Amino acid sequence: MAKFCEQNSKLAETARAIDALRREYHDEVEVCIVDCFRRCLACRTQPFCRIQLTTIEAGNGSTLVEKILQTIRHGTSNN
């Protein structure tokens, strides 16, 4: 499950990542929008999510999707 901060999900790049995950990878990744992660500076500037206790950050939505898929498929994380 990829958890996205409600505030961060409003960023255009994060919204693109969420949309792509829901449309193209719904069989692999469950998307969940949750309350604040208390990462306000990152939240305003770049897309990120959490998978279990790992925070995954990226410079744009497509890179975030790639990192999420890599984490889900291989059980590793690359921040």
N, C-alpha and C. Protein backbone atom coordinates (compact mmCIF):
# COMPACT_ATOMS: atom_id res chain seq x y z
N MET A 1 0.84 -1.18 0.00
CA MET A 1 0.00 0.00 0.00
C MET A 1 0.89 1.25 0.00
N ALA A 2 0.62 2.15 -0.93
CA ALA A 2 1.32 3.42 -0.99
C ALA A 2 0.45 4.48 -0.34
N LYS A 3 0.95 5.08 0.73
CA LYS A 3 0.19 6.09 1.46
C LYS A 3 0.69 7.47 1.08
N PHE A 4 -0.25 8.31 0.70
CA PHE A 4 0.06 9.68 0.31
C PHE A 4 -0.55 10.65 1.30
N CYS A 5 0.21 11.68 1.67
CA CYS A 5 -0.27 12.75 2.53
C CYS A 5 -1.36 13.53 1.79
N GLU A 6 -2.43 13.83 2.47
CA GLU A 6 -3.55 14.55 1.85
C GLU A 6 -3.10 15.88 1.23
N GLN A 7 -2.27 16.63 1.94
CA GLN A 7 -1.80 17.91 1.41
C GLN A 7 -0.89 17.71 0.21
N ASN A 8 0.02 16.74 0.29
CA ASN A 8 0.95 16.50 -0.82
C ASN A 8 0.23 15.98 -2.05
N SER A 9 -0.88 15.30 -1.85
CA SER A 9 -1.62 14.76 -2.99
C SER A 9 -2.21 15.87 -3.86
N LYS A 10 -2.23 17.09 -3.36
CA LYS A 10 -2.73 18.23 -4.12
C LYS A 10 -1.69 18.82 -5.07
N LEU A 11 -0.42 18.48 -4.88
CA LEU A 11 0.63 18.91 -5.82
C LEU A 11 0.39 18.24 -7.17
N ALA A 12 0.61 18.97 -8.24
CA ALA A 12 0.35 18.44 -9.58
C ALA A 12 1.12 17.15 -9.84
N GLU A 13 2.40 17.11 -9.50
CA GLU A 13 3.21 15.91 -9.77
C GLU A 13 2.74 14.73 -8.94
N THR A 14 2.36 14.97 -7.70
CA THR A 14 1.85 13.88 -6.86
C THR A 14 0.52 13.38 -7.40
N ALA A 15 -0.33 14.30 -7.81
CA ALA A 15 -1.63 13.92 -8.37
C ALA A 15 -1.44 13.07 -9.63
N ARG A 16 -0.45 13.41 -10.46
CA ARG A 16 -0.15 12.61 -11.66
C ARG A 16 0.27 11.19 -11.27
N ALA A 17 1.11 11.10 -10.25
CA ALA A 17 1.58 9.79 -9.79
C ALA A 17 0.42 8.95 -9.27
N ILE A 18 -0.42 9.55 -8.47
CA ILE A 18 -1.59 8.84 -7.92
C ILE A 18 -2.49 8.37 -9.05
N ASP A 19 -2.74 9.25 -10.00
CA ASP A 19 -3.60 8.90 -11.13
C ASP A 19 -3.02 7.73 -11.92
N ALA A 20 -1.72 7.78 -12.19
CA ALA A 20 -1.07 6.70 -12.94
C ALA A 20 -1.15 5.38 -12.18
N LEU A 21 -0.90 5.43 -10.88
CA LEU A 21 -0.97 4.21 -10.07
C LEU A 21 -2.38 3.63 -10.09
N ARG A 22 -3.36 4.47 -9.96
CA ARG A 22 -4.75 3.99 -9.94
C ARG A 22 -5.20 3.46 -11.30
N ARG A 23 -4.74 4.08 -12.38
CA ARG A 23 -5.16 3.66 -13.72
C ARG A 23 -4.38 2.46 -14.23
N GLU A 24 -3.06 2.52 -14.10
CA GLU A 24 -2.20 1.54 -14.77
C GLU A 24 -1.67 0.44 -13.87
N TYR A 25 -1.62 0.67 -12.58
CA TYR A 25 -0.98 -0.29 -11.69
C TYR A 25 -1.87 -0.69 -10.51
N HIS A 26 -3.19 -0.57 -10.68
CA HIS A 26 -4.11 -0.87 -9.59
C HIS A 26 -4.02 -2.31 -9.14
N ASP A 27 -3.53 -3.21 -9.99
CA ASP A 27 -3.36 -4.61 -9.60
C ASP A 27 -2.17 -4.81 -8.66
N GLU A 28 -1.21 -3.88 -8.72
CA GLU A 28 0.01 -4.03 -7.93
C GLU A 28 0.06 -3.13 -6.70
N VAL A 29 -0.54 -1.96 -6.80
CA VAL A 29 -0.38 -0.95 -5.75
C VAL A 29 -1.74 -0.43 -5.30
N GLU A 30 -1.98 -0.51 -4.02
CA GLU A 30 -3.16 0.11 -3.45
C GLU A 30 -2.78 1.52 -3.01
N VAL A 31 -3.53 2.51 -3.46
CA VAL A 31 -3.26 3.91 -3.13
C VAL A 31 -4.18 4.33 -2.00
N CYS A 32 -3.61 4.97 -1.01
CA CYS A 32 -4.38 5.43 0.14
C CYS A 32 -3.98 6.87 0.45
N ILE A 33 -4.96 7.76 0.59
CA ILE A 33 -4.70 9.14 0.98
C ILE A 33 -4.95 9.22 2.48
N VAL A 34 -3.95 9.70 3.23
CA VAL A 34 -4.04 9.75 4.68
C VAL A 34 -3.80 11.18 5.18
N ASP A 35 -3.92 11.36 6.47
CA ASP A 35 -3.68 12.67 7.07
C ASP A 35 -2.21 13.05 6.97
N CYS A 36 -1.89 14.14 7.56
CA CYS A 36 -0.56 14.75 7.51
C CYS A 36 0.56 13.81 7.98
N PHE A 37 1.68 13.83 7.25
CA PHE A 37 2.88 13.07 7.65
C PHE A 37 3.85 13.94 8.44
N ARG A 38 3.53 15.22 8.59
CA ARG A 38 4.40 16.18 9.30
C ARG A 38 5.75 16.33 8.61
N ARG A 39 5.70 16.41 7.29
CA ARG A 39 6.90 16.66 6.47
C ARG A 39 6.60 17.88 5.59
N CYS A 40 6.23 18.97 6.25
CA CYS A 40 5.67 20.13 5.56
C CYS A 40 6.58 20.70 4.47
N LEU A 41 7.87 20.80 4.71
CA LEU A 41 8.75 21.36 3.69
C LEU A 41 8.77 20.48 2.45
N ALA A 42 8.95 19.18 2.63
CA ALA A 42 8.93 18.25 1.49
C ALA A 42 7.56 18.24 0.84
N CYS A 43 6.55 18.34 1.65
CA CYS A 43 5.17 18.26 1.16
C CYS A 43 4.87 19.36 0.15
N ARG A 44 5.44 20.51 0.34
CA ARG A 44 5.18 21.65 -0.53
C ARG A 44 6.03 21.64 -1.80
N THR A 45 7.08 20.84 -1.82
CA THR A 45 8.04 20.96 -2.92
C THR A 45 8.19 19.74 -3.81
N GLN A 46 7.90 18.55 -3.32
CA GLN A 46 8.14 17.37 -4.14
C GLN A 46 7.17 16.24 -3.80
N PRO A 47 6.91 15.38 -4.78
CA PRO A 47 6.03 14.25 -4.51
C PRO A 47 6.72 13.19 -3.64
N PHE A 48 5.95 12.62 -2.73
CA PHE A 48 6.48 11.53 -1.91
C PHE A 48 5.33 10.69 -1.40
N CYS A 49 5.65 9.51 -0.91
CA CYS A 49 4.67 8.64 -0.28
C CYS A 49 5.39 7.76 0.71
N ARG A 50 4.61 6.97 1.43
CA ARG A 50 5.19 6.00 2.35
C ARG A 50 4.67 4.62 2.01
N ILE A 51 5.58 3.69 2.03
CA ILE A 51 5.24 2.27 1.92
C ILE A 51 5.78 1.63 3.18
N GLN A 52 4.88 1.15 4.00
CA GLN A 52 5.19 0.69 5.35
C GLN A 52 5.85 1.86 6.08
N LEU A 53 7.06 1.73 6.55
CA LEU A 53 7.71 2.82 7.26
C LEU A 53 8.75 3.55 6.42
N THR A 54 8.81 3.23 5.14
CA THR A 54 9.79 3.84 4.24
C THR A 54 9.17 4.99 3.48
N THR A 55 9.83 6.15 3.52
CA THR A 55 9.40 7.30 2.75
C THR A 55 10.11 7.27 1.40
N ILE A 56 9.34 7.39 0.34
CA ILE A 56 9.89 7.39 -1.01
C ILE A 56 9.64 8.78 -1.59
N GLU A 57 10.72 9.43 -2.01
CA GLU A 57 10.65 10.78 -2.56
C GLU A 57 11.16 10.78 -3.99
N ALA A 58 10.70 11.76 -4.76
CA ALA A 58 11.16 11.88 -6.15
C ALA A 58 11.02 13.33 -6.59
N GLY A 59 11.70 13.65 -7.67
CA GLY A 59 11.64 15.00 -8.22
C GLY A 59 10.40 15.26 -9.04
N ASN A 60 9.75 14.18 -9.51
CA ASN A 60 8.53 14.34 -10.31
C ASN A 60 7.66 13.09 -10.17
N GLY A 61 6.45 13.19 -10.69
CA GLY A 61 5.48 12.11 -10.54
C GLY A 61 5.88 10.80 -11.19
N SER A 62 6.45 10.88 -12.40
CA SER A 62 6.80 9.64 -13.09
C SER A 62 7.93 8.90 -12.39
N THR A 63 8.89 9.64 -11.85
CA THR A 63 9.98 9.01 -11.11
C THR A 63 9.45 8.40 -9.82
N LEU A 64 8.49 9.08 -9.18
CA LEU A 64 7.89 8.52 -7.98
C LEU A 64 7.19 7.20 -8.28
N VAL A 65 6.46 7.14 -9.38
CA VAL A 65 5.79 5.89 -9.77
C VAL A 65 6.82 4.79 -9.97
N GLU A 66 7.91 5.09 -10.66
CA GLU A 66 8.97 4.09 -10.89
C GLU A 66 9.53 3.58 -9.57
N LYS A 67 9.81 4.50 -8.64
CA LYS A 67 10.37 4.10 -7.35
C LYS A 67 9.37 3.26 -6.54
N ILE A 68 8.10 3.63 -6.61
CA ILE A 68 7.08 2.86 -5.90
C ILE A 68 7.00 1.45 -6.46
N LEU A 69 6.96 1.33 -7.78
CA LEU A 69 6.89 0.02 -8.41
C LEU A 69 8.12 -0.82 -8.08
N GLN A 70 9.28 -0.20 -8.09
CA GLN A 70 10.51 -0.92 -7.75
C GLN A 70 10.43 -1.43 -6.31
N THR A 71 9.95 -0.59 -5.41
CA THR A 71 9.83 -0.99 -4.01
C THR A 71 8.85 -2.14 -3.84
N ILE A 72 7.71 -2.04 -4.49
CA ILE A 72 6.69 -3.08 -4.39
C ILE A 72 7.17 -4.39 -5.01
N ARG A 73 7.75 -4.29 -6.18
CA ARG A 73 8.15 -5.50 -6.93
C ARG A 73 9.37 -6.19 -6.36
N HIS A 74 10.29 -5.41 -5.81
CA HIS A 74 11.57 -6.00 -5.39
C HIS A 74 11.78 -5.96 -3.89
N GLY A 75 10.87 -5.33 -3.19
CA GLY A 75 10.99 -5.29 -1.74
C GLY A 75 12.15 -4.45 -1.26
N THR A 76 12.65 -3.54 -2.12
CA THR A 76 13.73 -2.65 -1.71
C THR A 76 13.25 -1.22 -1.90
N SER A 77 13.91 -0.32 -1.23
CA SER A 77 13.57 1.11 -1.38
C SER A 77 14.80 1.90 -1.73
N ASN A 78 14.60 2.86 -2.61
CA ASN A 78 15.66 3.78 -3.00
C ASN A 78 15.13 5.18 -2.81
N ASN A 79 15.55 5.83 -1.74
CA ASN A 79 15.09 7.19 -1.47
C ASN A 79 15.86 8.18 -2.27
